[in-house]
Every structure is written in C-alpha cells, then in structure tokens.
Amino acid sequence: MLSPTQITLIRSLEWNYNAGRKGKGAIYVWAAGNGGRYQDNCNLDGYASSPFTITIGAVTADGHSTYYSEPCAAVMASAYVGGSHLPPTEDSINKERKKIKVVVPEGKGKCRETFQGTSAAAPMAAGVIALLLQANPELTWRDVQHIIVKSSKVPPTGESGWAVNAAGHEFHLKIGFGVLDSAKMVAEALSWQLVKPFHEWTTAAITQTKYILPNQDTFIPLLVKKSSMLAQRINNLESVTATINIIHSQCSNLEIFLISPSGTVSQILTKRPQDGNNSMIPYWEFMSLHFWGEDPDGLWILRISNHDGQHKGMVDYFSLSLMGTEF
C-alpha cells in the first residue's frame, strides 16, 4: 500500500505531465524492477503502474526476457542489458557476461563492465528518449510513448507469451511492445505528427460484493458506452486502469485478468507466492497498456482466478479509468 509521501509523489507526476517542459510534459522512465526472481509483479509498484511513466524491462543479449525482470501489463518496452533467461548457475553467469557489456564508472577512476538489471535498462531507455527529443524537441510525453509503441521490435527468439491485440499491436508481459530500437525511433521522431490531446474517462464503480471461491474464477462484467463519455469520447485507447478492492487471506494465490470488448486478455496481476502481505488488495490501481489502439466501447470483463483450494475472499469494488484519443 502506498504511503502518503508516495501518493504525493504520484500526484506530482500527474501534475508534471501537463506543466513540465513548457507544457509538453515531463517524461519519467521507471525500471520494471528485479523482483522477477521472486515472482513479483510491477503492477504493485505504484510508480511503474502509472500511465504517466514509461516502465522498462530488461532482456538478454539474445532478446529473451530475463529471469529477474518483473512482469506486468504496465511494461511498455525493454532494453538489451544482459543476464540470463532462466535462473542462472555460476557457469551461465560467466557466459552471459561475455555476451554483453554495459560499462559504467565505479568511482576512484575505475569502471565496471557488468552493470545489468532493470536499473541499467531504464537509464538506457532514458538515453534513447534524449536522442528523440534532440531530433524533435516538440514531442510531448505522449508522442514519446506512441513512438515507443510503434517502433519497438519483437525479438526473433520464438519466446512464448506474446499476444496480439485487436489493433494489431504485439505485447508481452515482461518485454512490453518489444525492444527499443533507437535508430527507428529517431527516424520516426524526425517526421512525426504530434498526437491529439488525450481524453480521460472513469466508469461508475461496481460495488456489489462478489465472493472469490476456492479454486474458482470470479467474473465481473462492466459495460462501457461511448455515448456516456460526452466530451471525453475515446475511440483509441492508450492505457486502461482497473481500480479493485479485494479482501482475501491468501492474495498471493490470486491471478487477475482484464478482458476487453475486442477479446484481448491482459493479465494485470500474476501469482506472487512469496508475498507476505496477504490480507487484502485495497483499492489498488492496476494499469494495462495491452489494449493500446483498441476501441473501449462494449463489455469489459474482470476475471479473478483463485488458486487457493481452502480460502475464499471477496471483491466489492471495480471501476475502469480509460485514457486515449477520439481519433
């Protein structure tokens, strides 16, 4: 759960997207986190799951997802920093270090060649974004996001887990829309037409209590009608945030999925077996980029899968916040 200080920081992120860079919006790059080795999920990081940040994962030298990079539906893209796809042995660590070297200063006039993790991926992404802004200083924070989505490349590894949404965008829970391609991104920036201002619309909340029974799925439908959006009409989604309140004694055994009217399935929470704070997920905002470019009009489905065979729980709040453009 976010502290008051963290909530204040997130609100400042939201303010700066409008006021930063003389109205073009500040650009925040966030690391997905290295908790993948513990089956953590970056959608429970309130900074990574903000629609106002760009969350970056890490891939191996060959383009596979790394074992340590956290999965979540908020990951926009990834960067090559090395490491292994599977949990490493000492031998595999040495082999991987020879494949890719990230050189950074270490102090006392020395350098190191083994800077890895999402803490390396995020500043690499920030450097690429700096090149974008050098090529086209007029880009807004959302233009940067659109360029990343359009130009990121799916690595030719044959790794499982890729899906395609109804707008034709490929996405992966750990890699996002693909690996950053700096040359392609800069080329896009040079001839880029600025995107239209975004609209934001939040549905009425569903507050009827539903029980989450052992070893069963719970489904909650929510109908979105564009006719209800009035001046905030959205035809092309960018991000979708589901706010959910769940009470369950073993929340680590829950998986949560959001299904769009077009049939795209986004896993907004994975099982987290090492989560020690199991009692509840209080009004958490789970963000997904997997519906990028889709039309929000129609029936959305929240699916909660309870993999606990003994304990039941309940969900008593569900709403959606949609961000995107009319055209």
Protein backbone atom coordinates (compact mmCIF):
# COMPACT_ATOMS: atom_id res chain seq x y z
CA MET A 1 0.00 0.00 0.00
CA LEU A 2 1.35 3.46 -0.88
CA SER A 3 2.33 5.81 1.91
CA PRO A 4 1.07 9.42 1.93
CA THR A 5 4.50 10.51 0.69
CA GLN A 6 4.34 8.09 -2.23
CA ILE A 7 0.80 9.20 -3.08
CA THR A 8 2.00 12.82 -3.10
CA LEU A 9 4.84 11.88 -5.44
CA ILE A 10 2.47 10.12 -7.84
CA ARG A 11 0.19 13.15 -7.86
CA SER A 12 3.23 15.30 -8.68
CA LEU A 13 3.97 13.01 -11.63
CA GLU A 14 0.44 13.63 -12.86
CA TRP A 15 0.83 17.38 -12.47
CA ASN A 16 4.16 17.49 -14.30
CA TYR A 17 2.85 15.64 -17.36
CA ASN A 18 0.91 18.85 -18.02
CA ALA A 19 3.28 21.53 -16.77
CA GLY A 20 6.75 20.09 -17.44
CA ARG A 21 8.87 21.03 -20.46
CA LYS A 22 6.81 24.17 -21.04
CA GLY A 23 3.59 22.25 -21.41
CA LYS A 24 4.95 19.32 -23.40
CA GLY A 25 5.05 17.17 -20.28
CA ALA A 26 7.86 15.75 -18.20
CA ILE A 27 8.99 12.28 -19.24
CA TYR A 28 9.54 9.76 -16.46
CA VAL A 29 11.31 6.46 -17.11
CA TRP A 30 10.87 3.75 -14.49
CA ALA A 31 12.54 0.37 -14.04
CA ALA A 32 10.21 -2.64 -14.00
CA GLY A 33 12.17 -3.98 -11.04
CA ASN A 34 14.35 -7.03 -10.43
CA GLY A 35 11.85 -8.99 -8.35
CA GLY A 36 11.08 -11.41 -11.16
CA ARG A 37 13.34 -13.94 -9.47
CA TYR A 38 10.86 -13.86 -6.58
CA GLN A 39 7.80 -13.87 -8.88
CA ASP A 40 6.99 -10.27 -8.04
CA ASN A 41 4.82 -8.11 -10.32
CA CYS A 42 5.49 -4.47 -11.18
CA ASN A 43 1.78 -3.61 -11.29
CA LEU A 44 2.02 -3.49 -7.49
CA ASP A 45 4.58 -0.70 -7.85
CA GLY A 46 2.52 2.49 -7.93
CA TYR A 47 5.18 4.29 -9.96
CA ALA A 48 5.65 1.58 -12.57
CA SER A 49 1.89 1.22 -12.97
CA SER A 50 1.26 4.92 -13.55
CA PRO A 51 0.10 5.88 -17.07
CA PHE A 52 2.37 8.93 -16.73
CA THR A 53 5.59 6.89 -16.54
CA ILE A 54 7.40 4.71 -19.08
CA THR A 55 8.19 1.36 -17.47
CA ILE A 56 11.15 -0.51 -18.96
CA GLY A 57 12.11 -4.17 -18.63
CA ALA A 58 15.37 -5.97 -19.35
CA VAL A 59 16.21 -8.57 -21.99
CA THR A 60 19.22 -10.80 -22.53
CA ALA A 61 21.81 -10.27 -25.26
CA ASP A 62 19.76 -12.67 -27.41
CA GLY A 63 16.48 -10.83 -26.79
CA HIS A 64 14.89 -13.23 -24.30
CA SER A 65 13.17 -11.89 -21.22
CA THR A 66 15.44 -12.05 -18.19
CA TYR A 67 14.57 -14.17 -15.18
CA TYR A 68 14.85 -11.15 -12.87
CA SER A 69 12.81 -8.55 -14.80
CA GLU A 70 9.35 -8.22 -13.26
CA PRO A 71 6.32 -8.95 -15.43
CA CYS A 72 3.34 -6.66 -15.59
CA ALA A 73 0.85 -5.16 -18.01
CA ALA A 74 2.41 -1.72 -17.47
CA VAL A 75 5.77 -2.60 -19.10
CA MET A 76 5.99 -0.51 -22.27
CA ALA A 77 9.27 -1.80 -23.73
CA SER A 78 12.62 -3.35 -22.83
CA ALA A 79 16.32 -2.75 -23.40
CA TYR A 80 19.25 -5.09 -24.01
CA VAL A 81 21.31 -5.26 -20.82
CA GLY A 82 22.19 -8.93 -20.47
CA GLY A 83 21.62 -11.54 -17.84
CA SER A 84 20.03 -14.93 -18.36
CA HIS A 85 16.56 -16.05 -19.35
CA LEU A 86 16.46 -18.79 -16.72
CA PRO A 87 17.69 -18.52 -13.12
CA PRO A 88 21.47 -18.66 -13.52
CA THR A 89 24.18 -21.01 -12.45
CA GLU A 90 27.71 -19.72 -11.87
CA ASP A 91 28.73 -21.04 -15.28
CA SER A 92 25.84 -19.37 -17.10
CA ILE A 93 26.55 -16.04 -15.36
CA ASN A 94 30.10 -16.03 -16.70
CA LYS A 95 28.89 -16.86 -20.21
CA GLU A 96 26.27 -14.12 -20.19
CA ARG A 97 28.75 -11.51 -19.01
CA LYS A 98 30.86 -12.19 -22.08
CA LYS A 99 27.91 -11.59 -24.43
CA ILE A 100 27.07 -8.03 -23.47
CA LYS A 101 28.97 -5.40 -21.52
CA VAL A 102 27.46 -2.27 -20.01
CA VAL A 103 30.35 -0.06 -18.92
CA VAL A 104 29.75 2.40 -16.09
CA PRO A 105 32.01 4.42 -13.76
CA GLU A 106 32.59 2.82 -10.38
CA GLY A 107 34.46 5.54 -8.53
CA LYS A 108 38.16 6.14 -7.90
CA GLY A 109 38.76 6.37 -11.63
CA LYS A 110 37.60 2.81 -12.27
CA CYS A 111 34.91 1.29 -14.46
CA ARG A 112 32.89 -1.90 -14.35
CA GLU A 113 31.53 -3.90 -17.28
CA THR A 114 28.76 -5.84 -15.56
CA PHE A 115 26.08 -3.23 -14.89
CA GLN A 116 22.86 -5.15 -15.52
CA GLY A 117 19.30 -5.42 -14.28
CA THR A 118 16.36 -3.14 -14.92
CA SER A 119 18.39 -0.44 -13.17
CA ALA A 120 20.58 -0.49 -16.28
CA ALA A 121 17.68 -0.84 -18.72
CA ALA A 122 15.83 2.27 -17.52
CA PRO A 123 18.73 4.75 -17.96
CA MET A 124 19.47 3.22 -21.36
CA ALA A 125 15.88 3.95 -22.34
CA ALA A 126 16.20 7.47 -20.96
CA GLY A 127 19.24 7.99 -23.18
CA VAL A 128 17.32 6.85 -26.25
CA ILE A 129 14.47 9.21 -25.35
CA ALA A 130 17.01 12.04 -25.06
CA LEU A 131 18.01 11.30 -28.66
CA LEU A 132 14.34 11.55 -29.64
CA LEU A 133 13.99 14.95 -28.04
CA GLN A 134 17.20 16.12 -29.68
CA ALA A 135 15.80 15.07 -33.06
CA ASN A 136 12.40 16.66 -32.37
CA PRO A 137 12.15 18.91 -29.29
CA GLU A 138 8.42 19.43 -29.88
CA LEU A 139 7.50 15.87 -28.87
CA THR A 140 5.11 15.67 -25.93
CA TRP A 141 5.28 12.95 -23.30
CA ARG A 142 2.55 11.07 -25.14
CA ASP A 143 4.30 11.39 -28.50
CA VAL A 144 7.28 9.67 -26.92
CA GLN A 145 5.05 6.83 -25.73
CA HIS A 146 3.42 6.49 -29.16
CA ILE A 147 6.82 6.33 -30.87
CA ILE A 148 7.98 3.62 -28.46
CA VAL A 149 4.86 1.54 -29.08
CA LYS A 150 5.13 1.94 -32.85
CA SER A 151 8.87 1.33 -33.25
CA SER A 152 9.76 -1.30 -30.64
CA LYS A 153 10.81 -4.62 -32.15
CA VAL A 154 9.72 -8.12 -31.18
CA PRO A 155 12.96 -10.11 -30.70
CA PRO A 156 13.23 -13.11 -33.07
CA THR A 157 13.65 -15.59 -30.22
CA GLY A 158 10.43 -17.54 -30.55
CA GLU A 159 9.80 -16.99 -26.84
CA SER A 160 6.30 -17.87 -25.70
CA GLY A 161 4.00 -15.34 -24.08
CA TRP A 162 3.45 -12.97 -27.00
CA ALA A 163 -0.09 -11.95 -27.94
CA VAL A 164 -1.65 -9.54 -30.44
CA ASN A 165 -4.40 -7.09 -29.51
CA ALA A 166 -7.30 -6.04 -31.72
CA ALA A 167 -5.36 -3.02 -33.01
CA GLY A 168 -2.53 -5.26 -34.24
CA HIS A 169 0.00 -4.49 -31.50
CA GLU A 170 2.08 -7.40 -30.22
CA PHE A 171 2.71 -7.39 -26.48
CA HIS A 172 4.45 -9.48 -23.83
CA LEU A 173 4.02 -9.39 -20.06
CA LYS A 174 7.77 -8.96 -19.43
CA ILE A 175 9.03 -7.33 -22.65
CA GLY A 176 6.16 -4.94 -23.36
CA PHE A 177 5.69 -3.99 -27.02
CA GLY A 178 9.24 -5.08 -27.81
CA VAL A 179 12.86 -3.98 -27.52
CA LEU A 180 13.77 -0.34 -28.04
CA ASP A 181 15.18 0.44 -31.50
CA SER A 182 16.95 3.80 -31.21
CA ALA A 183 17.56 4.26 -34.95
CA LYS A 184 13.94 3.60 -35.83
CA MET A 185 12.70 5.80 -33.00
CA VAL A 186 14.82 8.77 -34.10
CA ALA A 187 13.69 8.28 -37.71
CA GLU A 188 10.07 8.35 -36.55
CA ALA A 189 10.70 11.48 -34.49
CA LEU A 190 12.06 13.45 -37.45
CA SER A 191 8.79 13.23 -39.38
CA TRP A 192 6.36 12.72 -36.50
CA GLN A 193 2.93 14.33 -36.48
CA LEU A 194 2.02 15.30 -32.93
CA VAL A 195 -0.77 13.24 -31.40
CA LYS A 196 -4.06 14.83 -30.45
CA PRO A 197 -4.79 15.78 -26.82
CA PHE A 198 -5.88 12.83 -24.74
CA HIS A 199 -9.21 12.26 -23.05
CA GLU A 200 -9.66 10.52 -19.71
CA TRP A 201 -12.90 8.95 -18.54
CA THR A 202 -13.75 6.85 -15.49
CA THR A 203 -16.69 4.48 -15.30
CA ALA A 204 -19.12 4.25 -12.43
CA ALA A 205 -17.87 1.69 -9.92
CA ILE A 206 -19.42 -1.73 -9.42
CA THR A 207 -19.76 -2.09 -5.65
CA GLN A 208 -21.84 -5.23 -5.36
CA THR A 209 -19.93 -7.80 -3.30
CA LYS A 210 -18.88 -10.94 -5.13
CA TYR A 211 -17.26 -13.91 -3.42
CA ILE A 212 -13.98 -15.35 -4.66
CA LEU A 213 -14.42 -19.07 -4.05
CA PRO A 214 -11.60 -21.63 -3.66
CA ASN A 215 -10.20 -22.98 -6.94
CA GLN A 216 -12.72 -21.00 -8.98
CA ASP A 217 -12.85 -17.99 -11.27
CA THR A 218 -14.94 -14.94 -10.42
CA PHE A 219 -16.20 -12.80 -13.30
CA ILE A 220 -17.39 -9.19 -13.08
CA PRO A 221 -18.78 -7.55 -16.24
CA LEU A 222 -18.66 -3.80 -16.81
CA LEU A 223 -20.34 -2.15 -19.80
CA VAL A 224 -18.63 0.88 -21.35
CA LYS A 225 -20.78 3.07 -23.60
CA LYS A 226 -19.10 5.83 -25.56
CA SER A 227 -22.41 7.66 -25.59
CA SER A 228 -21.89 8.21 -21.85
CA MET A 229 -18.48 9.83 -22.32
CA LEU A 230 -19.89 13.09 -23.73
CA ALA A 231 -16.99 15.47 -24.46
CA GLN A 232 -14.40 12.92 -23.30
CA ARG A 233 -15.19 10.39 -26.03
CA ILE A 234 -12.41 7.83 -26.62
CA ASN A 235 -12.08 5.72 -29.76
CA ASN A 236 -8.40 4.78 -29.47
CA LEU A 237 -7.16 3.60 -26.10
CA GLU A 238 -3.71 4.20 -24.69
CA SER A 239 -3.97 2.96 -21.12
CA VAL A 240 -6.65 1.30 -19.01
CA THR A 241 -6.53 1.35 -15.21
CA ALA A 242 -8.68 -1.02 -13.17
CA THR A 243 -9.28 0.03 -9.56
CA ILE A 244 -10.14 -3.03 -7.47
CA ASN A 245 -10.75 -3.74 -3.79
CA ILE A 246 -10.13 -7.36 -2.78
CA ILE A 247 -10.19 -8.98 0.66
CA HIS A 248 -8.65 -12.45 0.79
CA SER A 249 -6.45 -14.20 3.35
CA GLN A 250 -4.13 -15.50 0.60
CA CYS A 251 -3.92 -12.76 -2.03
CA SER A 252 -0.65 -14.25 -3.26
CA ASN A 253 -2.67 -17.09 -4.79
CA LEU A 254 -4.78 -14.79 -6.95
CA GLU A 255 -4.40 -14.01 -10.64
CA ILE A 256 -6.34 -11.12 -12.15
CA PHE A 257 -7.19 -10.67 -15.83
CA LEU A 258 -8.93 -7.87 -17.71
CA ILE A 259 -10.67 -8.72 -20.99
CA SER A 260 -11.61 -6.01 -23.49
CA PRO A 261 -14.73 -5.92 -25.68
CA SER A 262 -12.48 -6.97 -28.57
CA GLY A 263 -11.43 -10.11 -26.70
CA THR A 264 -7.88 -9.07 -25.77
CA VAL A 265 -6.84 -10.67 -22.48
CA SER A 266 -4.42 -8.76 -20.25
CA GLN A 267 -3.08 -10.32 -17.07
CA ILE A 268 -2.93 -7.41 -14.66
CA LEU A 269 -1.70 -9.49 -11.70
CA THR A 270 0.26 -12.74 -11.56
CA LYS A 271 0.53 -15.13 -8.61
CA ARG A 272 3.07 -13.91 -6.05
CA PRO A 273 3.85 -16.92 -3.83
CA GLN A 274 6.41 -15.04 -1.74
CA ASP A 275 4.12 -12.13 -0.91
CA GLY A 276 3.96 -11.86 2.87
CA ASN A 277 1.21 -9.21 2.94
CA ASN A 278 -1.71 -11.47 2.12
CA SER A 279 -4.75 -9.93 3.77
CA MET A 280 -6.08 -7.63 1.07
CA ILE A 281 -5.51 -5.58 -2.09
CA PRO A 282 -7.08 -2.26 -1.06
CA TYR A 283 -8.47 -0.17 -3.92
CA TRP A 284 -5.38 -0.79 -5.99
CA GLU A 285 -4.94 0.72 -9.44
CA PHE A 286 -3.80 -1.95 -11.92
CA MET A 287 -2.72 -0.41 -15.22
CA SER A 288 -2.55 -2.13 -18.61
CA LEU A 289 -1.11 -0.96 -21.92
CA HIS A 290 -2.21 -4.11 -23.72
CA PHE A 291 -5.34 -2.51 -25.17
CA TRP A 292 -3.38 0.23 -26.97
CA GLY A 293 -5.27 1.39 -30.06
CA GLU A 294 -8.45 -0.57 -29.30
CA ASP A 295 -11.98 0.82 -29.12
CA PRO A 296 -13.23 0.72 -25.49
CA ASP A 297 -16.92 0.55 -26.40
CA GLY A 298 -18.63 -2.61 -25.18
CA LEU A 299 -18.48 -5.19 -22.41
CA TRP A 300 -15.33 -5.48 -20.29
CA ILE A 301 -14.77 -8.50 -18.05
CA LEU A 302 -12.73 -8.68 -14.86
CA ARG A 303 -11.65 -12.23 -14.08
CA ILE A 304 -10.17 -13.20 -10.71
CA SER A 305 -8.68 -16.69 -10.52
CA ASN A 306 -8.34 -18.10 -7.01
CA HIS A 307 -5.68 -20.83 -6.88
CA ASP A 308 -6.18 -21.33 -3.16
CA GLY A 309 -8.07 -24.55 -2.52
CA GLN A 310 -9.11 -23.68 1.04
CA HIS A 311 -9.77 -19.97 1.42
CA LYS A 312 -12.38 -17.71 -0.10
CA GLY A 313 -12.38 -13.94 -0.35
CA MET A 314 -14.44 -11.17 -1.81
CA VAL A 315 -14.27 -8.23 -4.19
CA ASP A 316 -16.51 -5.24 -3.58
CA TYR A 317 -15.19 -2.51 -5.87
CA PHE A 318 -14.31 -2.41 -9.57
CA SER A 319 -14.03 0.56 -11.92
CA LEU A 320 -12.11 1.44 -15.08
CA SER A 321 -10.24 4.62 -15.98
CA LEU A 322 -9.67 4.97 -19.71
CA MET A 323 -7.10 7.21 -21.40
CA GLY A 324 -6.84 7.77 -25.14
CA THR A 325 -7.94 9.89 -28.07
CA GLU A 326 -11.14 10.36 -30.04
CA PHE A 327 -9.42 9.89 -33.42
